[in-house]
Amino acid sequence: MNRTHMLELNNLNKIFKTRKHEFHALSDVSLTIARGEMVAVMGTSGSGKTTLLNILGCIDHASSGSYLLNQNPVEGQSLRTLAGIRNRDLGFVMQDFALVDHYSVQKNVLLPLEYLKDRKLRKERAAKLPALLEKLHIGQKQREKVMNLSGGQKQRVAIARALINEPEVILADEPTGALDQKTSQEIIELMRSINEEGKTVVIVTHDPNIAAYCDRIVRIEDGRIVEDSAAPSLVQV
C-alpha cells in the first residue's frame, strides 16, 4: 500500500511569550505520519505533547517551521479556512468528552454538520447516524441525554461526533484518561478498528498499554522529540 504523508512537520517551533519570559513549548520538531498510521504521542506533563496535538489540529499555530496536512501547507491560512479544515478533515476526541450534557446523543453527534454549507452532503451524512451509533454500540442511546450516560458511552458519543463528517485524521487527547481499565481497553480497541478502516489516528497518552495498540510511539521531552520507534508487542490493558 502506498502511504503518502498525511501529517508532516518540519523544524517546527512554538514559543509562548510573556513580558519577561519566553517558553519554548516545541523546539525544532520534525515529524511525518503516513496516511493510515496510528501513532501514540507520549511525554510527561508539560513536555509539549498537547501543544503538538493542538498544532496538528489547527487549533494553535507554530511560531516557525512548516506544517503540511495531506501535503497542503497550513501556515498562512485564514481563520475561516482553518475552521473549515478542522470541521472537514479532522476529528477530535478529548479526555473530558467535550459534549453538551443536556443535548441528546443524536444532537451532539450531528453538531459538526451544522457548519456544512452543502445541504445535500449534510443530509447524506446525517442519514448515516443510526448505522454509526450501532457500530459504536450506542444505537439504543440515540435520543438519550448525554448527562445520563456512563463515561464509556460518552466517549463513544465523542468518537461518533469525530467521525460524522468522515475526516481523514482522528486526533485524540488522552481518550481513556477518565475511564476505568475495562472501558479503556474497549475504547482503544475501537480506535484501532477505526484506524484499520483507513483513518490516520494520533493519540496523546501517558499509558504505555494504550500506546501498545499503535504502530509507532513518539516521545517528547522538553518540547523535543527524543524517540520515534515502533510500538512494542501488545500487552493487556
C-alpha atoms as a PDB file:
ATOM      1  CA  MET A   1       0.000   0.000   0.000  1.00  0.00           C
ATOM      2  CA  ASN A   2       1.296   3.445  -0.924  1.00  0.00           C
ATOM      3  CA  ARG A   3       1.355   5.505   2.248  1.00  0.00           C
ATOM      4  CA  THR A   4       1.814   9.166   1.473  1.00  0.00           C
ATOM      5  CA  HIS A   5       2.491  11.619   4.274  1.00  0.00           C
ATOM      6  CA  MET A   6      -0.775  12.745   5.862  1.00  0.00           C
ATOM      7  CA  LEU A   7       0.872  14.930   8.528  1.00  0.00           C
ATOM      8  CA  GLU A   8       4.295  16.489   8.079  1.00  0.00           C
ATOM      9  CA  LEU A   9       6.093  18.871  10.436  1.00  0.00           C
ATOM     10  CA  ASN A  10       9.442  20.422   9.536  1.00  0.00           C
ATOM     11  CA  ASN A  11      11.623  22.237  12.097  1.00  0.00           C
ATOM     12  CA  LEU A  12       8.549  23.335  13.991  1.00  0.00           C
ATOM     13  CA  ASN A  13       8.855  25.693  16.948  1.00  0.00           C
ATOM     14  CA  LYS A  14       6.255  27.030  19.339  1.00  0.00           C
ATOM     15  CA  ILE A  15       7.180  29.839  21.691  1.00  0.00           C
ATOM     16  CA  PHE A  16       4.883  31.295  24.324  1.00  0.00           C
ATOM     17  CA  LYS A  17       5.901  34.816  25.357  1.00  0.00           C
ATOM     18  CA  THR A  18       5.173  36.925  28.389  1.00  0.00           C
ATOM     19  CA  ARG A  19       6.586  40.346  29.183  1.00  0.00           C
ATOM     20  CA  LYS A  20       9.561  38.848  30.965  1.00  0.00           C
ATOM     21  CA  HIS A  21       9.963  35.334  29.666  1.00  0.00           C
ATOM     22  CA  GLU A  22       9.867  33.088  26.633  1.00  0.00           C
ATOM     23  CA  PHE A  23       8.842  29.452  26.942  1.00  0.00           C
ATOM     24  CA  HIS A  24       9.780  27.081  24.140  1.00  0.00           C
ATOM     25  CA  ALA A  25       6.929  24.559  24.162  1.00  0.00           C
ATOM     26  CA  LEU A  26       8.229  22.884  20.984  1.00  0.00           C
ATOM     27  CA  SER A  27      11.776  23.083  19.632  1.00  0.00           C
ATOM     28  CA  ASP A  28      12.782  22.052  16.095  1.00  0.00           C
ATOM     29  CA  VAL A  29      10.187  19.294  15.860  1.00  0.00           C
ATOM     30  CA  SER A  30      10.226  17.330  12.605  1.00  0.00           C
ATOM     31  CA  LEU A  31       7.734  14.502  12.232  1.00  0.00           C
ATOM     32  CA  THR A  32       5.942  12.659   9.458  1.00  0.00           C
ATOM     33  CA  ILE A  33       2.868  10.490   9.914  1.00  0.00           C
ATOM     34  CA  ALA A  34       1.749   8.421   6.957  1.00  0.00           C
ATOM     35  CA  ARG A  35      -1.791   8.083   5.726  1.00  0.00           C
ATOM     36  CA  GLY A  36      -3.415   5.234   7.662  1.00  0.00           C
ATOM     37  CA  GLU A  37      -0.902   5.136  10.526  1.00  0.00           C
ATOM     38  CA  MET A  38      -1.826   5.034  14.209  1.00  0.00           C
ATOM     39  CA  VAL A  39       0.697   6.920  16.308  1.00  0.00           C
ATOM     40  CA  ALA A  40       0.953   7.474  20.062  1.00  0.00           C
ATOM     41  CA  VAL A  41       2.499  10.677  21.389  1.00  0.00           C
ATOM     42  CA  MET A  42       3.857  10.258  24.907  1.00  0.00           C
ATOM     43  CA  GLY A  43       5.502  12.567  27.403  1.00  0.00           C
ATOM     44  CA  THR A  44       5.226  13.912  30.915  1.00  0.00           C
ATOM     45  CA  SER A  45       3.031  16.854  31.843  1.00  0.00           C
ATOM     46  CA  GLY A  46       4.464  19.995  30.260  1.00  0.00           C
ATOM     47  CA  SER A  47       6.538  18.092  27.716  1.00  0.00           C
ATOM     48  CA  GLY A  48       4.762  19.687  24.750  1.00  0.00           C
ATOM     49  CA  LYS A  49       2.588  16.793  23.592  1.00  0.00           C
ATOM     50  CA  THR A  50      -0.727  18.640  23.884  1.00  0.00           C
ATOM     51  CA  THR A  51       0.765  21.709  22.186  1.00  0.00           C
ATOM     52  CA  LEU A  52       1.836  19.425  19.362  1.00  0.00           C
ATOM     53  CA  LEU A  53      -1.664  17.968  19.087  1.00  0.00           C
ATOM     54  CA  ASN A  54      -3.197  21.455  19.069  1.00  0.00           C
ATOM     55  CA  ILE A  55      -0.968  22.452  16.155  1.00  0.00           C
ATOM     56  CA  LEU A  56      -1.771  19.247  14.272  1.00  0.00           C
ATOM     57  CA  GLY A  57      -5.444  20.033  14.870  1.00  0.00           C
ATOM     58  CA  CYS A  58      -5.131  23.622  13.569  1.00  0.00           C
ATOM     59  CA  ILE A  59      -6.276  24.871  16.978  1.00  0.00           C
ATOM     60  CA  ASP A  60      -2.939  26.615  17.553  1.00  0.00           C
ATOM     61  CA  HIS A  61      -0.207  27.715  15.163  1.00  0.00           C
ATOM     62  CA  ALA A  62       3.553  27.336  15.144  1.00  0.00           C
ATOM     63  CA  SER A  63       5.926  30.228  15.800  1.00  0.00           C
ATOM     64  CA  SER A  64       8.152  28.983  12.976  1.00  0.00           C
ATOM     65  CA  GLY A  65       8.651  25.951  10.770  1.00  0.00           C
ATOM     66  CA  SER A  66       6.132  24.316   8.463  1.00  0.00           C
ATOM     67  CA  TYR A  67       3.121  22.034   8.781  1.00  0.00           C
ATOM     68  CA  LEU A  68       1.680  20.163   5.806  1.00  0.00           C
ATOM     69  CA  LEU A  69      -1.694  18.461   6.156  1.00  0.00           C
ATOM     70  CA  ASN A  70      -2.292  15.998   3.339  1.00  0.00           C
ATOM     71  CA  GLN A  71       0.602  17.733   1.540  1.00  0.00           C
ATOM     72  CA  ASN A  72      -1.062  21.161   1.790  1.00  0.00           C
ATOM     73  CA  PRO A  73       0.527  23.979   3.821  1.00  0.00           C
ATOM     74  CA  VAL A  74      -1.391  25.034   6.925  1.00  0.00           C
ATOM     75  CA  GLU A  75       0.563  28.119   7.941  1.00  0.00           C
ATOM     76  CA  GLY A  76      -0.682  31.369   6.483  1.00  0.00           C
ATOM     77  CA  GLN A  77      -4.270  30.161   6.086  1.00  0.00           C
ATOM     78  CA  SER A  78      -7.115  32.413   7.201  1.00  0.00           C
ATOM     79  CA  LEU A  79      -9.106  31.682  10.349  1.00  0.00           C
ATOM     80  CA  ARG A  80     -12.107  30.762   8.184  1.00  0.00           C
ATOM     81  CA  THR A  81     -10.025  28.315   6.142  1.00  0.00           C
ATOM     82  CA  LEU A  82      -8.603  26.738   9.303  1.00  0.00           C
ATOM     83  CA  ALA A  83     -12.105  26.357  10.722  1.00  0.00           C
ATOM     84  CA  GLY A  84     -13.113  24.573   7.533  1.00  0.00           C
ATOM     85  CA  ILE A  85     -10.100  22.274   7.777  1.00  0.00           C
ATOM     86  CA  ARG A  86     -10.949  21.408  11.387  1.00  0.00           C
ATOM     87  CA  ASN A  87     -14.526  20.579  10.501  1.00  0.00           C
ATOM     88  CA  ARG A  88     -13.852  18.760   7.237  1.00  0.00           C
ATOM     89  CA  ASP A  89     -10.512  16.976   7.584  1.00  0.00           C
ATOM     90  CA  LEU A  90     -10.028  16.443  11.331  1.00  0.00           C
ATOM     91  CA  GLY A  91     -11.979  14.660  14.049  1.00  0.00           C
ATOM     92  CA  PHE A  92     -11.285  15.343  17.732  1.00  0.00           C
ATOM     93  CA  VAL A  93     -11.695  13.057  20.756  1.00  0.00           C
ATOM     94  CA  MET A  94     -10.990  14.623  24.158  1.00  0.00           C
ATOM     95  CA  GLN A  95     -10.389  13.223  27.640  1.00  0.00           C
ATOM     96  CA  ASP A  96     -13.345  15.150  29.090  1.00  0.00           C
ATOM     97  CA  PHE A  97     -15.546  14.201  26.085  1.00  0.00           C
ATOM     98  CA  ALA A  98     -16.383  17.893  25.333  1.00  0.00           C
ATOM     99  CA  LEU A  99     -20.055  17.073  24.877  1.00  0.00           C
ATOM    100  CA  VAL A 100     -23.131  19.184  25.636  1.00  0.00           C
ATOM    101  CA  ASP A 101     -24.622  17.317  28.584  1.00  0.00           C
ATOM    102  CA  HIS A 102     -28.213  18.490  28.164  1.00  0.00           C
ATOM    103  CA  TYR A 103     -28.258  17.614  24.457  1.00  0.00           C
ATOM    104  CA  SER A 104     -29.249  14.177  23.216  1.00  0.00           C
ATOM    105  CA  VAL A 105     -26.696  11.779  21.780  1.00  0.00           C
ATOM    106  CA  GLN A 106     -28.104  12.479  18.326  1.00  0.00           C
ATOM    107  CA  LYS A 107     -27.835  16.258  18.685  1.00  0.00           C
ATOM    108  CA  ASN A 108     -24.253  16.060  19.990  1.00  0.00           C
ATOM    109  CA  VAL A 109     -23.077  13.855  17.142  1.00  0.00           C
ATOM    110  CA  LEU A 110     -24.751  15.965  14.461  1.00  0.00           C
ATOM    111  CA  LEU A 111     -23.319  19.284  15.711  1.00  0.00           C
ATOM    112  CA  PRO A 112     -20.374  19.339  13.230  1.00  0.00           C
ATOM    113  CA  LEU A 113     -22.796  19.039  10.321  1.00  0.00           C
ATOM    114  CA  GLU A 114     -24.265  22.438  11.145  1.00  0.00           C
ATOM    115  CA  TYR A 115     -21.147  24.035   9.676  1.00  0.00           C
ATOM    116  CA  LEU A 116     -21.503  22.285   6.310  1.00  0.00           C
ATOM    117  CA  LYS A 117     -22.739  24.628   3.579  1.00  0.00           C
ATOM    118  CA  ASP A 118     -23.626  21.768   1.245  1.00  0.00           C
ATOM    119  CA  ARG A 119     -27.173  20.831   2.313  1.00  0.00           C
ATOM    120  CA  LYS A 120     -27.193  17.631   0.267  1.00  0.00           C
ATOM    121  CA  LEU A 121     -23.970  16.439   1.870  1.00  0.00           C
ATOM    122  CA  ARG A 122     -25.272  17.410   5.313  1.00  0.00           C
ATOM    123  CA  LYS A 123     -28.404  15.337   4.729  1.00  0.00           C
ATOM    124  CA  GLU A 124     -26.404  12.356   3.422  1.00  0.00           C
ATOM    125  CA  ARG A 125     -24.127  12.288   6.438  1.00  0.00           C
ATOM    126  CA  ALA A 126     -26.946  12.778   8.930  1.00  0.00           C
ATOM    127  CA  ALA A 127     -28.670   9.753   7.390  1.00  0.00           C
ATOM    128  CA  LYS A 128     -25.664   7.635   8.392  1.00  0.00           C
ATOM    129  CA  LEU A 129     -26.097   8.456  12.090  1.00  0.00           C
ATOM    130  CA  PRO A 130     -28.122   5.356  13.116  1.00  0.00           C
ATOM    131  CA  ALA A 131     -25.625   2.973  11.491  1.00  0.00           C
ATOM    132  CA  LEU A 132     -22.680   4.833  13.052  1.00  0.00           C
ATOM    133  CA  LEU A 133     -24.188   4.655  16.545  1.00  0.00           C
ATOM    134  CA  GLU A 134     -24.939   0.948  16.086  1.00  0.00           C
ATOM    135  CA  LYS A 135     -21.352   0.352  15.034  1.00  0.00           C
ATOM    136  CA  LEU A 136     -20.203   2.047  18.253  1.00  0.00           C
ATOM    137  CA  HIS A 137     -22.703   0.022  20.333  1.00  0.00           C
ATOM    138  CA  ILE A 138     -24.783   3.015  21.413  1.00  0.00           C
ATOM    139  CA  GLY A 139     -27.579   2.729  18.848  1.00  0.00           C
ATOM    140  CA  GLN A 140     -30.194   2.406  21.570  1.00  0.00           C
ATOM    141  CA  LYS A 141     -28.997   5.673  23.158  1.00  0.00           C
ATOM    142  CA  GLN A 142     -29.714   7.938  20.201  1.00  0.00           C
ATOM    143  CA  ARG A 143     -32.351  10.062  21.982  1.00  0.00           C
ATOM    144  CA  GLU A 144     -30.836   9.793  25.472  1.00  0.00           C
ATOM    145  CA  LYS A 145     -29.403  12.918  27.054  1.00  0.00           C
ATOM    146  CA  VAL A 146     -25.650  12.716  27.418  1.00  0.00           C
ATOM    147  CA  MET A 147     -25.834  13.528  31.138  1.00  0.00           C
ATOM    148  CA  ASN A 148     -27.451  10.120  31.685  1.00  0.00           C
ATOM    149  CA  LEU A 149     -24.658   8.105  30.054  1.00  0.00           C
ATOM    150  CA  SER A 150     -21.661   6.311  31.543  1.00  0.00           C
ATOM    151  CA  GLY A 151     -18.118   7.523  30.846  1.00  0.00           C
ATOM    152  CA  GLY A 152     -17.549   4.851  28.236  1.00  0.00           C
ATOM    153  CA  GLN A 153     -20.802   5.678  26.477  1.00  0.00           C
ATOM    154  CA  LYS A 154     -19.926   9.385  26.479  1.00  0.00           C
ATOM    155  CA  GLN A 155     -16.588   8.642  24.841  1.00  0.00           C
ATOM    156  CA  ARG A 156     -18.344   6.574  22.174  1.00  0.00           C
ATOM    157  CA  VAL A 157     -20.592   9.572  21.507  1.00  0.00           C
ATOM    158  CA  ALA A 158     -17.481  11.753  21.207  1.00  0.00           C
ATOM    159  CA  ILE A 159     -15.968   9.274  18.749  1.00  0.00           C
ATOM    160  CA  ALA A 160     -19.199   9.250  16.727  1.00  0.00           C
ATOM    161  CA  ARG A 161     -19.119  13.050  16.593  1.00  0.00           C
ATOM    162  CA  ALA A 162     -15.488  12.916  15.438  1.00  0.00           C
ATOM    163  CA  LEU A 163     -16.433  10.512  12.636  1.00  0.00           C
ATOM    164  CA  ILE A 164     -19.714  12.014  11.394  1.00  0.00           C
ATOM    165  CA  ASN A 165     -18.017  14.332   8.862  1.00  0.00           C
ATOM    166  CA  GLU A 166     -15.863  11.445   7.602  1.00  0.00           C
ATOM    167  CA  PRO A 167     -12.495  13.122   8.305  1.00  0.00           C
ATOM    168  CA  GLU A 168      -9.242  11.523   7.237  1.00  0.00           C
ATOM    169  CA  VAL A 169      -7.487  12.211  10.554  1.00  0.00           C
ATOM    170  CA  ILE A 170      -8.597  11.498  14.134  1.00  0.00           C
ATOM    171  CA  LEU A 171      -6.752  13.339  16.924  1.00  0.00           C
ATOM    172  CA  ALA A 172      -7.308  12.036  20.446  1.00  0.00           C
ATOM    173  CA  ASP A 173      -6.055  13.705  23.637  1.00  0.00           C
ATOM    174  CA  GLU A 174      -5.931  11.143  26.487  1.00  0.00           C
ATOM    175  CA  PRO A 175      -9.144   9.475  25.223  1.00  0.00           C
ATOM    176  CA  THR A 176      -9.062   6.876  28.020  1.00  0.00           C
ATOM    177  CA  GLY A 177      -7.810   9.143  30.807  1.00  0.00           C
ATOM    178  CA  ALA A 178     -11.204   9.455  32.516  1.00  0.00           C
ATOM    179  CA  LEU A 179     -12.190   5.799  32.098  1.00  0.00           C
ATOM    180  CA  ASP A 180     -11.723   2.609  34.108  1.00  0.00           C
ATOM    181  CA  GLN A 181      -9.418  -0.148  32.891  1.00  0.00           C
ATOM    182  CA  LYS A 182     -12.032  -2.313  31.170  1.00  0.00           C
ATOM    183  CA  THR A 183     -13.672   0.612  29.409  1.00  0.00           C
ATOM    184  CA  SER A 184     -10.260   1.971  28.411  1.00  0.00           C
ATOM    185  CA  GLN A 185      -9.475  -1.248  26.601  1.00  0.00           C
ATOM    186  CA  GLU A 186     -12.837  -1.185  24.812  1.00  0.00           C
ATOM    187  CA  ILE A 187     -12.232   2.402  23.641  1.00  0.00           C
ATOM    188  CA  ILE A 188      -8.671   1.831  22.424  1.00  0.00           C
ATOM    189  CA  GLU A 189      -9.754  -1.312  20.582  1.00  0.00           C
ATOM    190  CA  LEU A 190     -12.465   0.793  18.955  1.00  0.00           C
ATOM    191  CA  MET A 191      -9.874   3.408  17.966  1.00  0.00           C
ATOM    192  CA  ARG A 192      -7.740   0.655  16.478  1.00  0.00           C
ATOM    193  CA  SER A 193     -10.649  -0.663  14.420  1.00  0.00           C
ATOM    194  CA  ILE A 194     -11.282   2.864  13.120  1.00  0.00           C
ATOM    195  CA  ASN A 195      -7.629   3.036  12.107  1.00  0.00           C
ATOM    196  CA  GLU A 196      -7.849  -0.321  10.355  1.00  0.00           C
ATOM    197  CA  GLU A 197     -10.672   1.104   8.236  1.00  0.00           C
ATOM    198  CA  GLY A 198      -8.197   3.642   6.865  1.00  0.00           C
ATOM    199  CA  LYS A 199      -8.237   6.607   9.243  1.00  0.00           C
ATOM    200  CA  THR A 200      -4.984   8.212  10.335  1.00  0.00           C
ATOM    201  CA  VAL A 201      -5.057   8.289  14.148  1.00  0.00           C
ATOM    202  CA  VAL A 202      -2.849  10.263  16.543  1.00  0.00           C
ATOM    203  CA  ILE A 203      -3.307   9.621  20.265  1.00  0.00           C
ATOM    204  CA  VAL A 204      -1.751  11.574  23.117  1.00  0.00           C
ATOM    205  CA  THR A 205      -1.474   9.213  26.073  1.00  0.00           C
ATOM    206  CA  HIS A 206       0.559   8.643  29.214  1.00  0.00           C
ATOM    207  CA  ASP A 207      -0.348   4.941  29.312  1.00  0.00           C
ATOM    208  CA  PRO A 208       2.142   2.529  27.647  1.00  0.00           C
ATOM    209  CA  ASN A 209      -0.564  -0.130  27.397  1.00  0.00           C
ATOM    210  CA  ILE A 210      -2.686   2.230  25.305  1.00  0.00           C
ATOM    211  CA  ALA A 211       0.349   3.185  23.209  1.00  0.00           C
ATOM    212  CA  ALA A 212       0.996  -0.501  22.524  1.00  0.00           C
ATOM    213  CA  TYR A 213      -2.100  -0.576  20.313  1.00  0.00           C
ATOM    214  CA  CYS A 214      -0.423   1.913  17.962  1.00  0.00           C
ATOM    215  CA  ASP A 215       2.061   1.416  15.140  1.00  0.00           C
ATOM    216  CA  ARG A 216       4.584   3.918  16.474  1.00  0.00           C
ATOM    217  CA  ILE A 217       5.407   5.753  19.665  1.00  0.00           C
ATOM    218  CA  VAL A 218       6.738   9.309  19.571  1.00  0.00           C
ATOM    219  CA  ARG A 219       8.157  10.515  22.886  1.00  0.00           C
ATOM    220  CA  ILE A 220       8.537  14.202  23.694  1.00  0.00           C
ATOM    221  CA  GLU A 221      10.651  15.741  26.444  1.00  0.00           C
ATOM    222  CA  ASP A 222      11.039  19.476  26.974  1.00  0.00           C
ATOM    223  CA  GLY A 223       9.494  20.210  23.622  1.00  0.00           C
ATOM    224  CA  ARG A 224      11.776  17.924  21.627  1.00  0.00           C
ATOM    225  CA  ILE A 225      11.214  14.510  20.101  1.00  0.00           C
ATOM    226  CA  VAL A 226      13.566  12.137  21.879  1.00  0.00           C
ATOM    227  CA  GLU A 227      12.253   8.870  20.476  1.00  0.00           C
ATOM    228  CA  ASP A 228      10.313   7.741  17.419  1.00  0.00           C
ATOM    229  CA  SER A 229      10.060   3.980  17.218  1.00  0.00           C
ATOM    230  CA  ALA A 230       7.764   1.049  16.526  1.00  0.00           C
ATOM    231  CA  ALA A 231       5.370   0.249  19.371  1.00  0.00           C
ATOM    232  CA  PRO A 232       6.294  -2.801  21.496  1.00  0.00           C
ATOM    233  CA  SER A 233       4.326  -6.005  21.408  1.00  0.00           C
ATOM    234  CA  LEU A 234       0.759  -5.561  22.605  1.00  0.00           C
ATOM    235  CA  VAL A 235       0.135  -6.091  26.324  1.00  0.00           C
ATOM    236  CA  GLN A 236      -3.168  -6.282  28.114  1.00  0.00           C
ATOM    237  CA  VAL A 237      -4.642  -3.072  29.478  1.00  0.00           C
END
